[in-house]
Amino acid sequence: MNLEELKKIDSKKIYKVYDRWPDIAKESYEQQFSKPEFDDIDQIVFAGMGGSGTIGDTFSSILSKNDIHTSVVKGYLLPKTVDENTLVVVTSVSGNTQEPLLILENSKNSKAKFIVFSSGGMIKEYALKNKINFQEVKMEHSPRASFPKYVFSILKTLESVISVKKSDVSDAISKMEIMRKNIFSNNLNENNAALNLAKWITGTPVLYYPWGLQSAAIRFKNSLQENSKLHAITEDVIEACHNGIVSWERNSNMQPVLIQGHDDYFKTIERWRIIKEFFNSKQIEYKEISSVEGNIISKIINLIYLLDYASIYHSVISGIDPSPVSAIDFIKERLSK
């Protein structure tokens, strides 16, 4: 694949946004936002769908080792555990997603505190009309391409609630800048890790992950589905050893991708070793993807950067324009009737 082919097939030039992801992340974190104060929060619920939903997945992973309870809602209703000590973070990059809008409409009956991040649309209109804390964050190309803009804007806005060191954020962005040199569109050669992964995927990928990196696996699945128009499956590596591993006893076009942390828990490392031994015994080819070294934000953000770019390259290799999502448009049109 060469740059001319990339430009030709990627009609809306989504790759250009990905080339700028480290810059977008830095600009978003340095931007001045009004910072609301939320006291006595012991639970955060992230509500959003699609590209906005993976933002919630990412924060759930980032906060997995904190004392604050987090959950992600991808639907119409909040959990019953929501109370006056709960912060509900509603995200809709497009501003017109039905599910988070309904959650906001039901917010009148909730004691929870709410904050909304969106580029505008009906979500903005409703939030402002009902005096719900609203933060406008412009969209970059599409909801999925806007990922770093929203993640780092939320990190900055909610730094009083989301306890994350500024040094960890800086480390994540610095490692993105290093990652870019390898995977961006001006390095389309055999050293490009994202392009190599894209070329390797010829069947249906099964994405194995440890619990702490679940958000990266879900995001890769979603990106393969949206950009590459390709089926993909996610499997928790520990749970798969109790069920999913058995399916490899039959031949198929499935391809295991092992998404590993740089310093996974020692029992998880043991499980990776055994699974690879099993695949080798069955002569099943697999691909290993390892996170960068560093804090949880650095690991997840850089994994998503690499894997998202792989989905774009895979779409171009397959001759498929990554931007259009006509099936999603079909569903949204029917829902609006």
Protein backbone atom coordinates (compact mmCIF):
# COMPACT_ATOMS: atom_id res chain seq x y z
CA MET A 1 0.00 0.00 0.00
CA ASN A 2 1.25 3.49 -0.84
CA LEU A 3 0.13 7.01 0.01
CA GLU A 4 -1.63 7.52 -3.32
CA GLU A 5 -3.74 4.42 -2.74
CA LEU A 6 -4.55 5.61 0.77
CA LYS A 7 -5.65 9.01 -0.52
CA LYS A 8 -7.73 7.46 -3.27
CA ILE A 9 -9.68 4.94 -1.18
CA ASP A 10 -10.00 6.99 2.01
CA SER A 11 -12.35 9.53 0.40
CA LYS A 12 -12.88 11.72 3.49
CA LYS A 13 -9.23 11.52 4.55
CA ILE A 14 -9.80 10.10 8.02
CA TYR A 15 -6.11 9.11 8.04
CA LYS A 16 -5.13 12.78 8.17
CA VAL A 17 -6.95 13.16 11.49
CA TYR A 18 -5.11 10.11 12.85
CA ASP A 19 -1.81 11.63 11.75
CA ARG A 20 -2.71 14.54 14.07
CA TRP A 21 -3.93 12.54 17.08
CA PRO A 22 -0.95 13.43 19.35
CA ASP A 23 -1.38 17.13 18.49
CA ILE A 24 -5.14 16.95 19.07
CA ALA A 25 -4.57 15.26 22.44
CA LYS A 26 -2.07 17.91 23.54
CA GLU A 27 -4.20 20.85 22.36
CA SER A 28 -7.28 19.41 24.08
CA TYR A 29 -5.56 18.90 27.41
CA GLU A 30 -4.03 22.39 27.31
CA GLN A 31 -7.30 24.06 26.38
CA GLN A 32 -9.00 26.16 29.05
CA PHE A 33 -12.34 24.69 30.12
CA SER A 34 -14.72 25.83 32.83
CA LYS A 35 -14.18 23.26 35.56
CA PRO A 36 -17.30 22.42 37.56
CA GLU A 37 -16.78 21.24 41.12
CA PHE A 38 -18.51 18.01 42.08
CA ASP A 39 -18.30 17.12 45.76
CA ASP A 40 -18.65 13.74 47.49
CA ILE A 41 -18.62 11.68 44.29
CA ASP A 42 -18.10 7.96 44.88
CA GLN A 43 -19.47 6.67 41.57
CA ILE A 44 -19.10 7.79 37.95
CA VAL A 45 -21.35 6.52 35.19
CA PHE A 46 -20.27 7.11 31.60
CA ALA A 47 -23.16 7.10 29.13
CA GLY A 48 -22.67 7.05 25.36
CA MET A 49 -22.89 4.95 22.23
CA GLY A 50 -20.50 3.97 19.44
CA GLY A 51 -17.39 6.15 19.30
CA SER A 52 -18.72 8.06 22.31
CA GLY A 53 -19.26 4.79 24.16
CA THR A 54 -15.63 3.75 23.79
CA ILE A 55 -14.68 6.95 25.58
CA GLY A 56 -16.57 5.58 28.59
CA ASP A 57 -14.85 2.21 28.22
CA THR A 58 -11.50 3.96 28.25
CA PHE A 59 -12.24 5.91 31.42
CA SER A 60 -13.54 2.78 33.09
CA SER A 61 -10.15 1.16 32.41
CA ILE A 62 -8.19 4.24 33.48
CA LEU A 63 -10.07 4.38 36.78
CA SER A 64 -10.10 0.61 37.37
CA LYS A 65 -7.41 0.87 40.06
CA ASN A 66 -8.97 3.87 41.82
CA ASP A 67 -11.30 3.81 44.79
CA ILE A 68 -14.13 5.39 42.82
CA HIS A 69 -16.66 3.00 41.28
CA THR A 70 -17.18 3.36 37.53
CA SER A 71 -19.62 1.85 35.07
CA VAL A 72 -20.50 2.32 31.42
CA VAL A 73 -24.04 2.55 30.09
CA LYS A 74 -24.64 1.87 26.40
CA GLY A 75 -28.39 2.11 26.26
CA TYR A 76 -31.39 4.07 27.47
CA LEU A 77 -31.44 3.60 31.24
CA LEU A 78 -29.13 4.35 34.16
CA PRO A 79 -28.50 1.69 36.82
CA LYS A 80 -30.61 1.89 39.98
CA THR A 81 -27.47 2.36 42.06
CA VAL A 82 -27.25 5.97 40.81
CA ASP A 83 -27.73 8.39 43.72
CA GLU A 84 -26.76 11.88 44.93
CA ASN A 85 -23.09 10.82 45.11
CA THR A 86 -23.03 9.77 41.46
CA LEU A 87 -21.67 11.79 38.56
CA VAL A 88 -23.18 10.87 35.20
CA VAL A 89 -20.93 11.82 32.29
CA VAL A 90 -23.04 11.88 29.13
CA THR A 91 -21.08 11.89 25.87
CA SER A 92 -22.44 12.27 22.35
CA VAL A 93 -19.90 13.53 19.86
CA SER A 94 -22.52 14.04 17.16
CA GLY A 95 -24.98 15.60 19.60
CA ASN A 96 -27.93 13.74 18.15
CA THR A 97 -27.67 10.23 19.55
CA GLN A 98 -31.00 8.92 20.77
CA GLU A 99 -29.89 6.86 23.78
CA PRO A 100 -27.94 9.54 25.73
CA LEU A 101 -30.66 12.07 24.92
CA LEU A 102 -33.22 9.83 26.60
CA ILE A 103 -30.93 9.43 29.61
CA LEU A 104 -30.82 13.21 29.88
CA GLU A 105 -34.58 13.45 29.59
CA ASN A 106 -34.89 11.02 32.49
CA SER A 107 -32.37 13.01 34.53
CA LYS A 108 -35.20 15.06 36.06
CA ASN A 109 -36.11 12.04 38.14
CA SER A 110 -32.54 11.41 39.28
CA LYS A 111 -30.63 12.74 42.28
CA ALA A 112 -27.32 12.31 40.43
CA LYS A 113 -25.13 15.11 39.13
CA PHE A 114 -24.82 15.37 35.36
CA ILE A 115 -22.30 16.78 32.91
CA VAL A 116 -22.56 16.60 29.12
CA PHE A 117 -19.81 16.58 26.46
CA SER A 118 -20.96 17.07 22.88
CA SER A 119 -20.31 18.98 19.66
CA GLY A 120 -23.85 20.39 19.66
CA GLY A 121 -27.14 19.12 18.24
CA MET A 122 -30.20 18.11 20.23
CA ILE A 123 -28.03 17.10 23.18
CA LYS A 124 -26.68 20.64 23.53
CA GLU A 125 -30.12 22.17 23.09
CA TYR A 126 -31.63 19.97 25.80
CA ALA A 127 -28.75 20.45 28.24
CA LEU A 128 -28.77 24.23 27.98
CA LYS A 129 -32.56 24.45 28.17
CA ASN A 130 -32.60 22.35 31.34
CA LYS A 131 -29.52 23.98 32.90
CA ILE A 132 -27.41 20.81 32.80
CA ASN A 133 -23.66 21.42 32.87
CA PHE A 134 -22.60 21.38 29.20
CA GLN A 135 -19.13 21.32 27.64
CA GLU A 136 -18.92 21.83 23.90
CA VAL A 137 -16.14 19.90 22.19
CA LYS A 138 -16.01 20.10 18.41
CA MET A 139 -15.99 16.92 16.34
CA GLU A 140 -12.92 15.91 14.31
CA HIS A 141 -14.17 14.22 11.14
CA SER A 142 -16.37 11.62 12.92
CA PRO A 143 -17.15 10.42 16.47
CA ARG A 144 -14.53 7.65 16.32
CA ALA A 145 -11.82 9.96 14.95
CA SER A 146 -12.61 12.48 17.72
CA PHE A 147 -11.53 10.01 20.40
CA PRO A 148 -8.38 11.79 21.73
CA LYS A 149 -10.05 15.20 21.64
CA TYR A 150 -12.82 14.01 23.94
CA VAL A 151 -10.69 11.84 26.22
CA PHE A 152 -8.18 14.59 26.96
CA SER A 153 -10.85 17.30 27.20
CA ILE A 154 -12.70 15.21 29.79
CA LEU A 155 -9.47 14.49 31.66
CA LYS A 156 -8.84 18.23 31.93
CA THR A 157 -12.42 19.25 32.78
CA LEU A 158 -12.98 16.59 35.43
CA GLU A 159 -9.53 16.57 36.99
CA SER A 160 -11.08 17.33 40.40
CA VAL A 161 -13.03 14.04 40.21
CA ILE A 162 -10.87 11.87 37.98
CA SER A 163 -7.66 11.55 39.95
CA VAL A 164 -4.97 11.33 37.28
CA LYS A 165 -1.45 12.71 37.51
CA LYS A 166 -0.57 15.39 34.95
CA SER A 167 2.74 13.60 34.47
CA ASP A 168 0.81 10.47 33.39
CA VAL A 169 -1.13 12.50 30.82
CA SER A 170 2.07 14.07 29.50
CA ASP A 171 3.67 10.64 29.27
CA ALA A 172 0.72 9.32 27.26
CA ILE A 173 0.95 12.19 24.76
CA SER A 174 4.75 11.89 24.48
CA LYS A 175 4.44 8.20 23.70
CA MET A 176 1.75 8.98 21.10
CA GLU A 177 4.22 11.29 19.39
CA ILE A 178 6.78 8.47 19.32
CA MET A 179 4.15 6.00 18.12
CA ARG A 180 3.11 8.33 15.30
CA LYS A 181 6.57 8.19 13.73
CA ASN A 182 6.10 4.45 13.22
CA ILE A 183 2.44 4.15 12.19
CA PHE A 184 1.46 7.37 10.38
CA SER A 185 0.81 7.80 6.68
CA ASN A 186 4.33 9.00 5.85
CA ASN A 187 5.82 5.70 6.99
CA LEU A 188 4.03 3.13 4.83
CA ASN A 189 6.78 0.52 4.84
CA GLU A 190 7.63 -2.85 6.38
CA ASN A 191 8.47 -1.21 9.74
CA ASN A 192 4.97 0.18 10.24
CA ALA A 193 3.43 -1.96 13.04
CA ALA A 194 -0.17 -0.92 12.25
CA LEU A 195 0.24 -1.68 8.55
CA ASN A 196 1.83 -5.07 9.31
CA LEU A 197 -1.11 -6.01 11.53
CA ALA A 198 -3.55 -4.87 8.86
CA LYS A 199 -1.84 -7.05 6.25
CA TRP A 200 -1.82 -10.04 8.61
CA ILE A 201 -5.59 -9.98 9.18
CA THR A 202 -7.14 -11.96 6.36
CA GLY A 203 -9.95 -13.72 8.24
CA THR A 204 -12.03 -12.96 11.30
CA PRO A 205 -9.92 -11.66 14.21
CA VAL A 206 -10.54 -12.89 17.76
CA LEU A 207 -9.14 -10.25 20.10
CA TYR A 208 -7.86 -11.60 23.42
CA TYR A 209 -7.21 -9.14 26.23
CA PRO A 210 -6.58 -8.99 30.00
CA TRP A 211 -9.27 -7.25 32.03
CA GLY A 212 -7.38 -3.96 32.40
CA LEU A 213 -7.06 -3.58 28.61
CA GLN A 214 -10.66 -4.44 27.77
CA SER A 215 -11.33 -0.94 26.43
CA ALA A 216 -8.55 -1.27 23.84
CA ALA A 217 -9.96 -4.59 22.62
CA ILE A 218 -13.53 -3.27 22.42
CA ARG A 219 -12.33 -0.19 20.57
CA PHE A 220 -10.37 -2.31 18.07
CA LYS A 221 -13.42 -4.50 17.47
CA ASN A 222 -15.58 -1.43 16.86
CA SER A 223 -12.99 0.18 14.58
CA LEU A 224 -12.61 -2.98 12.48
CA GLN A 225 -16.39 -3.09 12.17
CA GLU A 226 -16.80 0.58 11.24
CA ASN A 227 -13.65 1.24 9.22
CA SER A 228 -12.94 -2.19 7.70
CA LYS A 229 -16.56 -3.42 7.63
CA LEU A 230 -15.17 -6.62 9.15
CA HIS A 231 -16.57 -9.00 11.77
CA ALA A 232 -14.47 -9.20 14.94
CA ILE A 233 -14.81 -10.90 18.33
CA THR A 234 -13.43 -9.97 21.76
CA GLU A 235 -12.50 -12.49 24.46
CA ASP A 236 -11.19 -11.98 28.00
CA VAL A 237 -8.06 -14.13 28.03
CA ILE A 238 -8.73 -15.62 31.48
CA GLU A 239 -12.40 -16.38 30.85
CA ALA A 240 -11.58 -17.79 27.39
CA CYS A 241 -9.47 -20.49 29.06
CA HIS A 242 -12.72 -21.83 30.56
CA ASN A 243 -14.78 -21.88 27.33
CA GLY A 244 -13.65 -20.04 24.20
CA ILE A 245 -10.36 -21.91 23.85
CA VAL A 246 -12.28 -25.10 23.00
CA SER A 247 -13.53 -23.61 19.73
CA TRP A 248 -9.97 -23.70 18.36
CA GLU A 249 -10.21 -27.49 18.18
CA ARG A 250 -12.02 -26.96 14.87
CA ASN A 251 -10.45 -25.41 11.78
CA SER A 252 -11.80 -22.01 10.77
CA ASN A 253 -10.78 -18.65 9.31
CA MET A 254 -10.57 -17.09 12.78
CA GLN A 255 -7.29 -15.40 13.72
CA PRO A 256 -6.19 -14.84 17.34
CA VAL A 257 -4.79 -11.42 18.22
CA LEU A 258 -3.22 -11.28 21.69
CA ILE A 259 -3.44 -7.77 23.18
CA GLN A 260 -0.97 -7.82 26.08
CA GLY A 261 0.07 -5.30 28.68
CA HIS A 262 3.74 -4.46 29.11
CA ASP A 263 3.58 -5.58 32.74
CA ASP A 264 0.51 -7.78 33.04
CA TYR A 265 -0.28 -9.46 36.36
CA PHE A 266 2.03 -12.47 36.82
CA LYS A 267 -0.85 -14.97 36.67
CA THR A 268 -2.05 -13.35 33.43
CA ILE A 269 1.46 -13.69 31.99
CA GLU A 270 1.34 -17.36 32.87
CA ARG A 271 -1.98 -17.67 31.03
CA TRP A 272 -0.57 -15.95 27.94
CA ARG A 273 2.32 -18.41 27.93
CA ILE A 274 0.01 -21.43 28.13
CA ILE A 275 -2.35 -20.13 25.44
CA LYS A 276 0.56 -19.51 23.07
CA GLU A 277 1.82 -23.02 23.80
CA PHE A 278 -1.63 -24.37 22.92
CA PHE A 279 -1.81 -22.38 19.66
CA ASN A 280 1.68 -23.56 18.71
CA SER A 281 0.71 -27.18 19.37
CA LYS A 282 -2.27 -26.76 17.03
CA GLN A 283 -0.18 -24.85 14.45
CA ILE A 284 -2.50 -21.87 14.78
CA GLU A 285 -0.84 -18.62 13.74
CA TYR A 286 -1.42 -15.72 16.10
CA LYS A 287 -0.40 -12.10 16.35
CA GLU A 288 0.96 -10.50 19.52
CA ILE A 289 0.37 -6.81 20.24
CA SER A 290 2.01 -5.35 23.34
CA SER A 291 1.28 -2.07 25.06
CA VAL A 292 3.92 0.57 25.59
CA GLU A 293 5.67 0.76 28.94
CA GLY A 294 4.15 3.24 31.37
CA ASN A 295 0.97 4.18 33.21
CA ILE A 296 -2.51 2.91 32.34
CA ILE A 297 -3.39 5.99 30.24
CA SER A 298 -0.24 5.59 28.14
CA LYS A 299 -0.93 1.90 27.62
CA ILE A 300 -4.56 2.22 26.57
CA ILE A 301 -4.32 5.39 24.47
CA ASN A 302 -1.31 4.14 22.53
CA LEU A 303 -2.84 0.70 21.99
CA ILE A 304 -5.96 2.35 20.61
CA TYR A 305 -3.84 4.62 18.40
CA LEU A 306 -1.99 1.64 16.91
CA LEU A 307 -5.07 -0.58 16.55
CA ASP A 308 -7.30 2.13 15.11
CA TYR A 309 -4.73 2.89 12.45
CA ALA A 310 -4.50 -0.83 11.66
CA SER A 311 -8.26 -0.83 10.98
CA ILE A 312 -7.89 2.07 8.55
CA TYR A 313 -5.01 0.41 6.72
CA HIS A 314 -6.96 -2.85 6.59
CA SER A 315 -9.91 -1.08 4.95
CA VAL A 316 -7.66 0.46 2.30
CA ILE A 317 -5.90 -2.84 1.61
CA SER A 318 -9.36 -4.37 1.15
CA GLY A 319 -10.39 -1.55 -1.19
CA ILE A 320 -13.02 -0.28 1.26
CA ASP A 321 -13.56 3.38 2.10
CA PRO A 322 -13.28 3.58 5.92
CA SER A 323 -15.50 6.62 6.45
CA PRO A 324 -19.04 5.69 5.28
CA VAL A 325 -21.19 3.70 7.74
CA SER A 326 -24.34 3.18 5.69
CA ALA A 327 -25.68 0.39 7.93
CA ILE A 328 -25.66 2.73 10.93
CA ASP A 329 -27.33 5.42 8.83
CA PHE A 330 -30.01 2.89 7.85
CA ILE A 331 -30.84 2.18 11.50
CA LYS A 332 -30.81 5.84 12.53
CA GLU A 333 -33.16 6.74 9.70
CA ARG A 334 -35.66 4.08 10.80
CA LEU A 335 -35.42 5.18 14.45
CA SER A 336 -36.21 8.79 13.50
CA LYS A 337 -39.50 7.81 11.83
